[in-house]
Amino acid sequence: MSKSPHPTPLPEGEGVVQREWPLWEVFVRSKQGLEHKHCGSLHAADAQQALQMARDVYTRRQEGVSIWVVPSNTITASEPDDKAAFFEPMADKIYRHPTFYEIPDEVGHM
């Protein structure tokens, strides 16, 4: 009998509280890669179970060398509506972009 990655909610009744396992984000580093890439989400009771389930679900063909699982509720992210305020101030720092340098012919392509 295989385990489902999503738990069956407990029935409501006397003395029973309906709960759901927390959501975990899964990142896998492939054999060819240097960085971990987000590959999906799953529900698990704890970090150890999340790691085991992530291995079973996201690395079935032995393509991974490392797995990270992170509780979704601990991730802090920028909002898409904040894009202008968050990223556009970089455009006013022209010294970070070498567009005004002249490259000698001897250097070739950079």
PDB file of N, CA and C in Angstrom:
ATOM      1  N   MET A   1       0.843  -1.173   0.000  1.00  0.00           N
ATOM      2  CA  MET A   1       0.000   0.000   0.000  1.00  0.00           C
ATOM      3  C   MET A   1       0.884   1.231   0.000  1.00  0.00           C
ATOM      4  N   SER A   2       0.705   2.136  -0.947  1.00  0.00           N
ATOM      5  CA  SER A   2       1.548   3.323  -1.027  1.00  0.00           C
ATOM      6  C   SER A   2       0.915   4.469  -0.260  1.00  0.00           C
ATOM      7  N   LYS A   3       1.791   5.339   0.239  1.00  0.00           N
ATOM      8  CA  LYS A   3       1.317   6.504   0.975  1.00  0.00           C
ATOM      9  C   LYS A   3       1.000   7.628   0.011  1.00  0.00           C
ATOM     10  N   SER A   4      -0.074   8.320   0.267  1.00  0.00           N
ATOM     11  CA  SER A   4      -0.433   9.484  -0.530  1.00  0.00           C
ATOM     12  C   SER A   4       0.341  10.681  -0.012  1.00  0.00           C
ATOM     13  N   PRO A   5       0.843  11.584  -0.893  1.00  0.00           N
ATOM     14  CA  PRO A   5       1.558  12.761  -0.412  1.00  0.00           C
ATOM     15  C   PRO A   5       0.627  13.738   0.301  1.00  0.00           C
ATOM     16  N   HIS A   6      -0.668  13.583   0.140  1.00  0.00           N
ATOM     17  CA  HIS A   6      -1.625  14.457   0.806  1.00  0.00           C
ATOM     18  C   HIS A   6      -2.394  13.651   1.841  1.00  0.00           C
ATOM     19  N   PRO A   7      -2.401  14.126   3.084  1.00  0.00           N
ATOM     20  CA  PRO A   7      -3.061  13.365   4.135  1.00  0.00           C
ATOM     21  C   PRO A   7      -4.573  13.426   4.009  1.00  0.00           C
ATOM     22  N   THR A   8      -5.194  12.398   4.517  1.00  0.00           N
ATOM     23  CA  THR A   8      -6.644  12.409   4.618  1.00  0.00           C
ATOM     24  C   THR A   8      -6.992  13.165   5.889  1.00  0.00           C
ATOM     25  N   PRO A   9      -7.812  14.224   5.792  1.00  0.00           N
ATOM     26  CA  PRO A   9      -8.148  14.971   6.994  1.00  0.00           C
ATOM     27  C   PRO A   9      -8.849  14.068   8.005  1.00  0.00           C
ATOM     28  N   LEU A  10      -8.570  14.331   9.267  1.00  0.00           N
ATOM     29  CA  LEU A  10      -9.226  13.576  10.321  1.00  0.00           C
ATOM     30  C   LEU A  10     -10.691  13.975  10.392  1.00  0.00           C
ATOM     31  N   PRO A  11     -11.592  13.025  10.647  1.00  0.00           N
ATOM     32  CA  PRO A  11     -13.013  13.377  10.728  1.00  0.00           C
ATOM     33  C   PRO A  11     -13.283  14.218  11.963  1.00  0.00           C
ATOM     34  N   GLU A  12     -14.217  15.153  11.826  1.00  0.00           N
ATOM     35  CA  GLU A  12     -14.605  15.962  12.979  1.00  0.00           C
ATOM     36  C   GLU A  12     -15.531  15.145  13.858  1.00  0.00           C
ATOM     37  N   GLY A  13     -15.387  15.291  15.127  1.00  0.00           N
ATOM     38  CA  GLY A  13     -16.233  14.563  16.059  1.00  0.00           C
ATOM     39  C   GLY A  13     -15.844  14.917  17.472  1.00  0.00           C
ATOM     40  N   GLU A  14     -16.365  14.196  18.415  1.00  0.00           N
ATOM     41  CA  GLU A  14     -16.061  14.476  19.811  1.00  0.00           C
ATOM     42  C   GLU A  14     -14.594  14.207  20.095  1.00  0.00           C
ATOM     43  N   GLY A  15     -13.902  15.243  20.588  1.00  0.00           N
ATOM     44  CA  GLY A  15     -12.510  15.094  20.972  1.00  0.00           C
ATOM     45  C   GLY A  15     -11.541  15.014  19.809  1.00  0.00           C
ATOM     46  N   VAL A  16     -12.000  15.124  18.573  1.00  0.00           N
ATOM     47  CA  VAL A  16     -11.120  15.053  17.413  1.00  0.00           C
ATOM     48  C   VAL A  16     -11.137  16.404  16.714  1.00  0.00           C
ATOM     49  N   VAL A  17      -9.954  16.963  16.492  1.00  0.00           N
ATOM     50  CA  VAL A  17      -9.828  18.235  15.802  1.00  0.00           C
ATOM     51  C   VAL A  17      -9.375  17.952  14.374  1.00  0.00           C
ATOM     52  N   GLN A  18     -10.021  18.595  13.400  1.00  0.00           N
ATOM     53  CA  GLN A  18      -9.623  18.386  12.012  1.00  0.00           C
ATOM     54  C   GLN A  18      -8.328  19.156  11.756  1.00  0.00           C
ATOM     55  N   ARG A  19      -7.294  18.439  11.256  1.00  0.00           N
ATOM     56  CA  ARG A  19      -5.992  19.048  11.000  1.00  0.00           C
ATOM     57  C   ARG A  19      -5.504  18.632   9.624  1.00  0.00           C
ATOM     58  N   GLU A  20      -4.565  19.412   9.127  1.00  0.00           N
ATOM     59  CA  GLU A  20      -3.927  19.093   7.862  1.00  0.00           C
ATOM     60  C   GLU A  20      -2.424  19.226   8.062  1.00  0.00           C
ATOM     61  N   TRP A  21      -1.655  18.367   7.417  1.00  0.00           N
ATOM     62  CA  TRP A  21      -0.208  18.445   7.530  1.00  0.00           C
ATOM     63  C   TRP A  21       0.281  19.760   6.929  1.00  0.00           C
ATOM     64  N   PRO A  22       1.389  20.297   7.444  1.00  0.00           N
ATOM     65  CA  PRO A  22       1.919  21.547   6.887  1.00  0.00           C
ATOM     66  C   PRO A  22       2.450  21.355   5.459  1.00  0.00           C
ATOM     67  N   LEU A  23       2.491  22.447   4.732  1.00  0.00           N
ATOM     68  CA  LEU A  23       2.985  22.450   3.357  1.00  0.00           C
ATOM     69  C   LEU A  23       4.486  22.708   3.363  1.00  0.00           C
ATOM     70  N   TRP A  24       5.225  21.940   2.577  1.00  0.00           N
ATOM     71  CA  TRP A  24       6.680  22.055   2.458  1.00  0.00           C
ATOM     72  C   TRP A  24       7.040  22.348   1.011  1.00  0.00           C
ATOM     73  N   GLU A  25       8.009  23.234   0.793  1.00  0.00           N
ATOM     74  CA  GLU A  25       8.538  23.506  -0.541  1.00  0.00           C
ATOM     75  C   GLU A  25       9.772  22.639  -0.731  1.00  0.00           C
ATOM     76  N   VAL A  26       9.906  22.050  -1.914  1.00  0.00           N
ATOM     77  CA  VAL A  26      10.981  21.095  -2.186  1.00  0.00           C
ATOM     78  C   VAL A  26      11.945  21.684  -3.215  1.00  0.00           C
ATOM     79  N   PHE A  27      13.244  21.627  -2.885  1.00  0.00           N
ATOM     80  CA  PHE A  27      14.309  22.083  -3.774  1.00  0.00           C
ATOM     81  C   PHE A  27      15.267  20.924  -3.983  1.00  0.00           C
ATOM     82  N   VAL A  28      15.638  20.668  -5.243  1.00  0.00           N
ATOM     83  CA  VAL A  28      16.528  19.549  -5.566  1.00  0.00           C
ATOM     84  C   VAL A  28      17.725  20.081  -6.348  1.00  0.00           C
ATOM     85  N   ARG A  29      18.894  19.577  -5.997  1.00  0.00           N
ATOM     86  CA  ARG A  29      20.107  19.876  -6.771  1.00  0.00           C
ATOM     87  C   ARG A  29      20.403  18.670  -7.635  1.00  0.00           C
ATOM     88  N   SER A  30      20.504  18.895  -8.930  1.00  0.00           N
ATOM     89  CA  SER A  30      20.753  17.783  -9.853  1.00  0.00           C
ATOM     90  C   SER A  30      22.247  17.470  -9.894  1.00  0.00           C
ATOM     91  N   LYS A  31      22.585  16.368 -10.519  1.00  0.00           N
ATOM     92  CA  LYS A  31      23.981  15.954 -10.638  1.00  0.00           C
ATOM     93  C   LYS A  31      24.790  16.973 -11.435  1.00  0.00           C
ATOM     94  N   GLN A  32      24.166  17.598 -12.419  1.00  0.00           N
ATOM     95  CA  GLN A  32      24.872  18.550 -13.266  1.00  0.00           C
ATOM     96  C   GLN A  32      24.830  19.978 -12.710  1.00  0.00           C
ATOM     97  N   GLY A  33      23.964  20.255 -11.757  1.00  0.00           N
ATOM     98  CA  GLY A  33      23.789  21.625 -11.293  1.00  0.00           C
ATOM     99  C   GLY A  33      24.566  21.960 -10.045  1.00  0.00           C
ATOM    100  N   LEU A  34      24.769  23.255  -9.859  1.00  0.00           N
ATOM    101  CA  LEU A  34      25.438  23.734  -8.663  1.00  0.00           C
ATOM    102  C   LEU A  34      24.435  24.310  -7.671  1.00  0.00           C
ATOM    103  N   GLU A  35      23.245  24.614  -8.139  1.00  0.00           N
ATOM    104  CA  GLU A  35      22.258  25.224  -7.271  1.00  0.00           C
ATOM    105  C   GLU A  35      21.039  24.322  -7.113  1.00  0.00           C
ATOM    106  N   HIS A  36      20.336  24.502  -6.022  1.00  0.00           N
ATOM    107  CA  HIS A  36      19.073  23.797  -5.801  1.00  0.00           C
ATOM    108  C   HIS A  36      17.975  24.544  -6.566  1.00  0.00           C
ATOM    109  N   LYS A  37      17.066  23.810  -7.171  1.00  0.00           N
ATOM    110  CA  LYS A  37      15.952  24.414  -7.915  1.00  0.00           C
ATOM    111  C   LYS A  37      14.639  23.950  -7.310  1.00  0.00           C
ATOM    112  N   HIS A  38      13.709  24.883  -7.230  1.00  0.00           N
ATOM    113  CA  HIS A  38      12.386  24.539  -6.700  1.00  0.00           C
ATOM    114  C   HIS A  38      11.711  23.594  -7.680  1.00  0.00           C
ATOM    115  N   CYS A  39      11.209  22.491  -7.162  1.00  0.00           N
ATOM    116  CA  CYS A  39      10.562  21.533  -8.060  1.00  0.00           C
ATOM    117  C   CYS A  39       9.138  21.207  -7.641  1.00  0.00           C
ATOM    118  N   GLY A  40       8.674  21.728  -6.515  1.00  0.00           N
ATOM    119  CA  GLY A  40       7.291  21.481  -6.143  1.00  0.00           C
ATOM    120  C   GLY A  40       7.050  21.614  -4.652  1.00  0.00           C
ATOM    121  N   SER A  41       5.859  21.211  -4.264  1.00  0.00           N
ATOM    122  CA  SER A  41       5.426  21.295  -2.871  1.00  0.00           C
ATOM    123  C   SER A  41       4.777  19.983  -2.472  1.00  0.00           C
ATOM    124  N   LEU A  42       4.752  19.739  -1.172  1.00  0.00           N
ATOM    125  CA  LEU A  42       4.037  18.570  -0.668  1.00  0.00           C
ATOM    126  C   LEU A  42       3.646  18.799   0.784  1.00  0.00           C
ATOM    127  N   HIS A  43       2.677  18.027   1.237  1.00  0.00           N
ATOM    128  CA  HIS A  43       2.249  18.072   2.631  1.00  0.00           C
ATOM    129  C   HIS A  43       2.908  16.912   3.373  1.00  0.00           C
ATOM    130  N   ALA A  44       3.463  17.203   4.556  1.00  0.00           N
ATOM    131  CA  ALA A  44       4.089  16.164   5.375  1.00  0.00           C
ATOM    132  C   ALA A  44       3.955  16.552   6.844  1.00  0.00           C
ATOM    133  N   ALA A  45       4.000  15.545   7.705  1.00  0.00           N
ATOM    134  CA  ALA A  45       3.830  15.777   9.136  1.00  0.00           C
ATOM    135  C   ALA A  45       5.034  16.485   9.752  1.00  0.00           C
ATOM    136  N   ASP A  46       6.260  16.187   9.253  1.00  0.00           N
ATOM    137  CA  ASP A  46       7.460  16.803   9.809  1.00  0.00           C
ATOM    138  C   ASP A  46       8.551  16.832   8.740  1.00  0.00           C
ATOM    139  N   ALA A  47       9.706  17.415   9.094  1.00  0.00           N
ATOM    140  CA  ALA A  47      10.793  17.587   8.131  1.00  0.00           C
ATOM    141  C   ALA A  47      11.329  16.257   7.614  1.00  0.00           C
ATOM    142  N   GLN A  48      11.478  15.276   8.485  1.00  0.00           N
ATOM    143  CA  GLN A  48      12.009  13.977   8.062  1.00  0.00           C
ATOM    144  C   GLN A  48      11.074  13.304   7.058  1.00  0.00           C
ATOM    145  N   GLN A  49       9.787  13.340   7.353  1.00  0.00           N
ATOM    146  CA  GLN A  49       8.823  12.755   6.419  1.00  0.00           C
ATOM    147  C   GLN A  49       8.805  13.538   5.109  1.00  0.00           C
ATOM    148  N   ALA A  50       8.941  14.862   5.185  1.00  0.00           N
ATOM    149  CA  ALA A  50       8.973  15.685   3.970  1.00  0.00           C
ATOM    150  C   ALA A  50      10.171  15.312   3.101  1.00  0.00           C
ATOM    151  N   LEU A  51      11.339  15.082   3.721  1.00  0.00           N
ATOM    152  CA  LEU A  51      12.529  14.664   2.960  1.00  0.00           C
ATOM    153  C   LEU A  51      12.308  13.325   2.267  1.00  0.00           C
ATOM    154  N   GLN A  52      11.757  12.369   2.988  1.00  0.00           N
ATOM    155  CA  GLN A  52      11.524  11.047   2.405  1.00  0.00           C
ATOM    156  C   GLN A  52      10.508  11.115   1.266  1.00  0.00           C
ATOM    157  N   MET A  53       9.441  11.863   1.475  1.00  0.00           N
ATOM    158  CA  MET A  53       8.418  11.987   0.435  1.00  0.00           C
ATOM    159  C   MET A  53       8.959  12.750  -0.768  1.00  0.00           C
ATOM    160  N   ALA A  54       9.768  13.778  -0.531  1.00  0.00           N
ATOM    161  CA  ALA A  54      10.366  14.533  -1.630  1.00  0.00           C
ATOM    162  C   ALA A  54      11.282  13.644  -2.459  1.00  0.00           C
ATOM    163  N   ARG A  55      12.047  12.797  -1.786  1.00  0.00           N
ATOM    164  CA  ARG A  55      12.914  11.847  -2.502  1.00  0.00           C
ATOM    165  C   ARG A  55      12.078  10.929  -3.385  1.00  0.00           C
ATOM    166  N   ASP A  56      10.981  10.403  -2.830  1.00  0.00           N
ATOM    167  CA  ASP A  56      10.145   9.466  -3.575  1.00  0.00           C
ATOM    168  C   ASP A  56       9.422  10.133  -4.741  1.00  0.00           C
ATOM    169  N   VAL A  57       8.990  11.375  -4.545  1.00  0.00           N
ATOM    170  CA  VAL A  57       8.176  12.052  -5.565  1.00  0.00           C
ATOM    171  C   VAL A  57       9.035  12.753  -6.613  1.00  0.00           C
ATOM    172  N   TYR A  58      10.114  13.430  -6.193  1.00  0.00           N
ATOM    173  CA  TYR A  58      10.847  14.313  -7.101  1.00  0.00           C
ATOM    174  C   TYR A  58      12.191  13.775  -7.578  1.00  0.00           C
ATOM    175  N   THR A  59      12.645  12.626  -7.092  1.00  0.00           N
ATOM    176  CA  THR A  59      13.924  12.082  -7.576  1.00  0.00           C
ATOM    177  C   THR A  59      13.779  10.603  -7.903  1.00  0.00           C
ATOM    178  N   ARG A  60      12.740  10.257  -8.610  1.00  0.00           N
ATOM    179  CA  ARG A  60      12.477   8.847  -8.938  1.00  0.00           C
ATOM    180  C   ARG A  60      13.516   8.249  -9.865  1.00  0.00           C
ATOM    181  N   ARG A  61      14.157   9.078 -10.675  1.00  0.00           N
ATOM    182  CA  ARG A  61      15.128   8.560 -11.645  1.00  0.00           C
ATOM    183  C   ARG A  61      16.568   8.800 -11.192  1.00  0.00           C
ATOM    184  N   GLN A  62      16.769   8.980  -9.909  1.00  0.00           N
ATOM    185  CA  GLN A  62      18.096   9.179  -9.312  1.00  0.00           C
ATOM    186  C   GLN A  62      18.812  10.391  -9.896  1.00  0.00           C
ATOM    187  N   GLU A  63      18.043  11.440 -10.239  1.00  0.00           N
ATOM    188  CA  GLU A  63      18.664  12.626 -10.830  1.00  0.00           C
ATOM    189  C   GLU A  63      19.157  13.630  -9.807  1.00  0.00           C
ATOM    190  N   GLY A  64      18.843  13.457  -8.552  1.00  0.00           N
ATOM    191  CA  GLY A  64      19.240  14.422  -7.543  1.00  0.00           C
ATOM    192  C   GLY A  64      20.416  13.965  -6.708  1.00  0.00           C
ATOM    193  N   VAL A  65      21.158  14.940  -6.178  1.00  0.00           N
ATOM    194  CA  VAL A  65      22.253  14.639  -5.253  1.00  0.00           C
ATOM    195  C   VAL A  65      22.009  15.291  -3.890  1.00  0.00           C
ATOM    196  N   SER A  66      21.038  16.201  -3.824  1.00  0.00           N
ATOM    197  CA  SER A  66      20.735  16.879  -2.574  1.00  0.00           C
ATOM    198  C   SER A  66      19.297  17.394  -2.616  1.00  0.00           C
ATOM    199  N   ILE A  67      18.613  17.318  -1.485  1.00  0.00           N
ATOM    200  CA  ILE A  67      17.225  17.794  -1.383  1.00  0.00           C
ATOM    201  C   ILE A  67      17.128  18.722  -0.182  1.00  0.00           C
ATOM    202  N   TRP A  68      16.451  19.839  -0.382  1.00  0.00           N
ATOM    203  CA  TRP A  68      16.077  20.727   0.718  1.00  0.00           C
ATOM    204  C   TRP A  68      14.565  20.717   0.818  1.00  0.00           C
ATOM    205  N   VAL A  69      14.041  20.677   2.029  1.00  0.00           N
ATOM    206  CA  VAL A  69      12.613  20.893   2.259  1.00  0.00           C
ATOM    207  C   VAL A  69      12.485  22.052   3.245  1.00  0.00           C
ATOM    208  N   VAL A  70      11.609  22.986   2.926  1.00  0.00           N
ATOM    209  CA  VAL A  70      11.449  24.199   3.711  1.00  0.00           C
ATOM    210  C   VAL A  70       9.966  24.397   3.997  1.00  0.00           C
ATOM    211  N   PRO A  71       9.600  24.619   5.263  1.00  0.00           N
ATOM    212  CA  PRO A  71       8.187  24.887   5.541  1.00  0.00           C
ATOM    213  C   PRO A  71       7.731  26.139   4.781  1.00  0.00           C
ATOM    214  N   SER A  72       6.650  26.022   4.047  1.00  0.00           N
ATOM    215  CA  SER A  72       6.168  27.139   3.226  1.00  0.00           C
ATOM    216  C   SER A  72       5.904  28.385   4.049  1.00  0.00           C
ATOM    217  N   ASN A  73       5.426  28.202   5.268  1.00  0.00           N
ATOM    218  CA  ASN A  73       5.067  29.372   6.066  1.00  0.00           C
ATOM    219  C   ASN A  73       6.283  30.124   6.606  1.00  0.00           C
ATOM    220  N   THR A  74       7.506  29.621   6.374  1.00  0.00           N
ATOM    221  CA  THR A  74       8.700  30.334   6.820  1.00  0.00           C
ATOM    222  C   THR A  74       9.370  31.115   5.696  1.00  0.00           C
ATOM    223  N   ILE A  75       8.851  31.027   4.491  1.00  0.00           N
ATOM    224  CA  ILE A  75       9.442  31.727   3.354  1.00  0.00           C
ATOM    225  C   ILE A  75       8.889  33.146   3.292  1.00  0.00           C
ATOM    226  N   THR A  76       9.788  34.102   3.165  1.00  0.00           N
ATOM    227  CA  THR A  76       9.406  35.498   2.988  1.00  0.00           C
ATOM    228  C   THR A  76       9.766  35.880   1.559  1.00  0.00           C
ATOM    229  N   ALA A  77       8.813  36.423   0.833  1.00  0.00           N
ATOM    230  CA  ALA A  77       9.039  36.748  -0.578  1.00  0.00           C
ATOM    231  C   ALA A  77       8.536  38.150  -0.888  1.00  0.00           C
ATOM    232  N   SER A  78       9.115  38.753  -1.919  1.00  0.00           N
ATOM    233  CA  SER A  78       8.624  40.048  -2.379  1.00  0.00           C
ATOM    234  C   SER A  78       7.302  39.843  -3.112  1.00  0.00           C
ATOM    235  N   GLU A  79       6.524  40.895  -3.157  1.00  0.00           N
ATOM    236  CA  GLU A  79       5.237  40.854  -3.847  1.00  0.00           C
ATOM    237  C   GLU A  79       5.413  41.343  -5.279  1.00  0.00           C
ATOM    238  N   PRO A  80       4.708  40.741  -6.244  1.00  0.00           N
ATOM    239  CA  PRO A  80       4.803  41.213  -7.631  1.00  0.00           C
ATOM    240  C   PRO A  80       4.440  42.692  -7.773  1.00  0.00           C
ATOM    241  N   ASP A  81       3.534  43.191  -6.961  1.00  0.00           N
ATOM    242  CA  ASP A  81       3.146  44.603  -7.039  1.00  0.00           C
ATOM    243  C   ASP A  81       4.268  45.535  -6.583  1.00  0.00           C
ATOM    244  N   ASP A  82       5.245  45.014  -5.850  1.00  0.00           N
ATOM    245  CA  ASP A  82       6.361  45.820  -5.357  1.00  0.00           C
ATOM    246  C   ASP A  82       7.545  45.825  -6.316  1.00  0.00           C
ATOM    247  N   LYS A  83       7.374  45.289  -7.512  1.00  0.00           N
ATOM    248  CA  LYS A  83       8.477  45.142  -8.459  1.00  0.00           C
ATOM    249  C   LYS A  83       9.182  46.466  -8.734  1.00  0.00           C
ATOM    250  N   ALA A  84       8.429  47.522  -9.003  1.00  0.00           N
ATOM    251  CA  ALA A  84       9.049  48.808  -9.340  1.00  0.00           C
ATOM    252  C   ALA A  84       9.901  49.323  -8.186  1.00  0.00           C
ATOM    253  N   ALA A  85       9.376  49.341  -7.002  1.00  0.00           N
ATOM    254  CA  ALA A  85      10.113  49.858  -5.849  1.00  0.00           C
ATOM    255  C   ALA A  85      11.271  48.952  -5.454  1.00  0.00           C
ATOM    256  N   PHE A  86      11.125  47.670  -5.707  1.00  0.00           N
ATOM    257  CA  PHE A  86      12.118  46.697  -5.262  1.00  0.00           C
ATOM    258  C   PHE A  86      13.289  46.568  -6.230  1.00  0.00           C
ATOM    259  N   PHE A  87      13.024  46.614  -7.545  1.00  0.00           N
ATOM    260  CA  PHE A  87      14.071  46.316  -8.523  1.00  0.00           C
ATOM    261  C   PHE A  87      14.513  47.495  -9.383  1.00  0.00           C
ATOM    262  N   GLU A  88      13.655  48.457  -9.654  1.00  0.00           N
ATOM    263  CA  GLU A  88      14.025  49.543 -10.556  1.00  0.00           C
ATOM    264  C   GLU A  88      15.077  50.498 -10.008  1.00  0.00           C
ATOM    265  N   PRO A  89      15.243  50.663  -8.704  1.00  0.00           N
ATOM    266  CA  PRO A  89      16.322  51.551  -8.244  1.00  0.00           C
ATOM    267  C   PRO A  89      17.703  51.118  -8.720  1.00  0.00           C
ATOM    268  N   MET A  90      17.872  49.881  -9.152  1.00  0.00           N
ATOM    269  CA  MET A  90      19.163  49.414  -9.649  1.00  0.00           C
ATOM    270  C   MET A  90      19.555  50.129 -10.949  1.00  0.00           C
ATOM    271  N   ALA A  91      18.580  50.623 -11.705  1.00  0.00           N
ATOM    272  CA  ALA A  91      18.866  51.269 -12.983  1.00  0.00           C
ATOM    273  C   ALA A  91      19.596  52.589 -12.809  1.00  0.00           C
ATOM    274  N   ASP A  92      19.490  53.244 -11.650  1.00  0.00           N
ATOM    275  CA  ASP A  92      20.153  54.527 -11.462  1.00  0.00           C
ATOM    276  C   ASP A  92      21.612  54.383 -11.016  1.00  0.00           C
ATOM    277  N   LYS A  93      22.119  53.177 -10.929  1.00  0.00           N
ATOM    278  CA  LYS A  93      23.511  52.940 -10.537  1.00  0.00           C
ATOM    279  C   LYS A  93      24.297  52.495 -11.778  1.00  0.00           C
ATOM    280  N   ILE A  94      24.502  53.461 -12.683  1.00  0.00           N
ATOM    281  CA  ILE A  94      25.116  53.105 -13.967  1.00  0.00           C
ATOM    282  C   ILE A  94      26.540  52.594 -13.821  1.00  0.00           C
ATOM    283  N   TYR A  95      27.177  52.941 -12.720  1.00  0.00           N
ATOM    284  CA  TYR A  95      28.548  52.468 -12.523  1.00  0.00           C
ATOM    285  C   TYR A  95      28.610  50.957 -12.364  1.00  0.00           C
ATOM    286  N   ARG A  96      27.476  50.302 -12.128  1.00  0.00           N
ATOM    287  CA  ARG A  96      27.458  48.847 -12.012  1.00  0.00           C
ATOM    288  C   ARG A  96      27.374  48.161 -13.378  1.00  0.00           C
ATOM    289  N   HIS A  97      27.102  48.923 -14.403  1.00  0.00           N
ATOM    290  CA  HIS A  97      26.980  48.382 -15.756  1.00  0.00           C
ATOM    291  C   HIS A  97      28.112  48.943 -16.608  1.00  0.00           C
ATOM    292  N   PRO A  98      29.026  48.122 -17.094  1.00  0.00           N
ATOM    293  CA  PRO A  98      30.207  48.611 -17.808  1.00  0.00           C
ATOM    294  C   PRO A  98      29.911  49.018 -19.255  1.00  0.00           C
ATOM    295  N   THR A  99      28.829  49.728 -19.476  1.00  0.00           N
ATOM    296  CA  THR A  99      28.466  50.099 -20.846  1.00  0.00           C
ATOM    297  C   THR A  99      29.273  51.281 -21.367  1.00  0.00           C
ATOM    298  N   PHE A 100      29.915  52.054 -20.503  1.00  0.00           N
ATOM    299  CA  PHE A 100      30.643  53.236 -20.949  1.00  0.00           C
ATOM    300  C   PHE A 100      32.155  52.995 -21.026  1.00  0.00           C
ATOM    301  N   TYR A 101      32.604  51.756 -20.810  1.00  0.00           N
ATOM    302  CA  TYR A 101      34.019  51.433 -20.927  1.00  0.00           C
ATOM    303  C   TYR A 101      34.337  51.056 -22.371  1.00  0.00           C
ATOM    304  N   GLU A 102      35.528  51.446 -22.801  1.00  0.00           N
ATOM    305  CA  GLU A 102      35.982  51.033 -24.124  1.00  0.00           C
ATOM    306  C   GLU A 102      36.929  49.857 -23.942  1.00  0.00           C
ATOM    307  N   ILE A 103      36.669  48.784 -24.666  1.00  0.00           N
ATOM    308  CA  ILE A 103      37.487  47.573 -24.554  1.00  0.00           C
ATOM    309  C   ILE A 103      38.498  47.570 -25.697  1.00  0.00           C
ATOM    310  N   PRO A 104      39.788  47.447 -25.371  1.00  0.00           N
ATOM    311  CA  PRO A 104      40.814  47.411 -26.425  1.00  0.00           C
ATOM    312  C   PRO A 104      40.606  46.212 -27.353  1.00  0.00           C
ATOM    313  N   ASP A 105      40.961  46.372 -28.598  1.00  0.00           N
ATOM    314  CA  ASP A 105      40.805  45.326 -29.597  1.00  0.00           C
ATOM    315  C   ASP A 105      41.566  44.054 -29.213  1.00  0.00           C
ATOM    316  N   GLU A 106      42.698  44.200 -28.503  1.00  0.00           N
ATOM    317  CA  GLU A 106      43.511  43.053 -28.136  1.00  0.00           C
ATOM    318  C   GLU A 106      42.785  42.116 -27.172  1.00  0.00           C
ATOM    319  N   VAL A 107      41.840  42.659 -26.429  1.00  0.00           N
ATOM    320  CA  VAL A 107      41.133  41.856 -25.442  1.00  0.00           C
ATOM    321  C   VAL A 107      40.214  40.852 -26.125  1.00  0.00           C
ATOM    322  N   GLY A 108      39.613  41.207 -27.218  1.00  0.00           N
ATOM    323  CA  GLY A 108      38.699  40.309 -27.903  1.00  0.00           C
ATOM    324  C   GLY A 108      37.313  40.371 -27.296  1.00  0.00           C
ATOM    325  N   HIS A 109      36.627  39.266 -27.308  1.00  0.00           N
ATOM    326  CA  HIS A 109      35.253  39.219 -26.793  1.00  0.00           C
ATOM    327  C   HIS A 109      35.243  39.054 -25.289  1.00  0.00           C
ATOM    328  N   MET A 110      34.346  39.752 -24.654  1.00  0.00           N
ATOM    329  CA  MET A 110      34.174  39.613 -23.201  1.00  0.00           C
ATOM    330  C   MET A 110      32.775  39.196 -22.908  1.00  0.00           C
TER     331      MET A 110
END
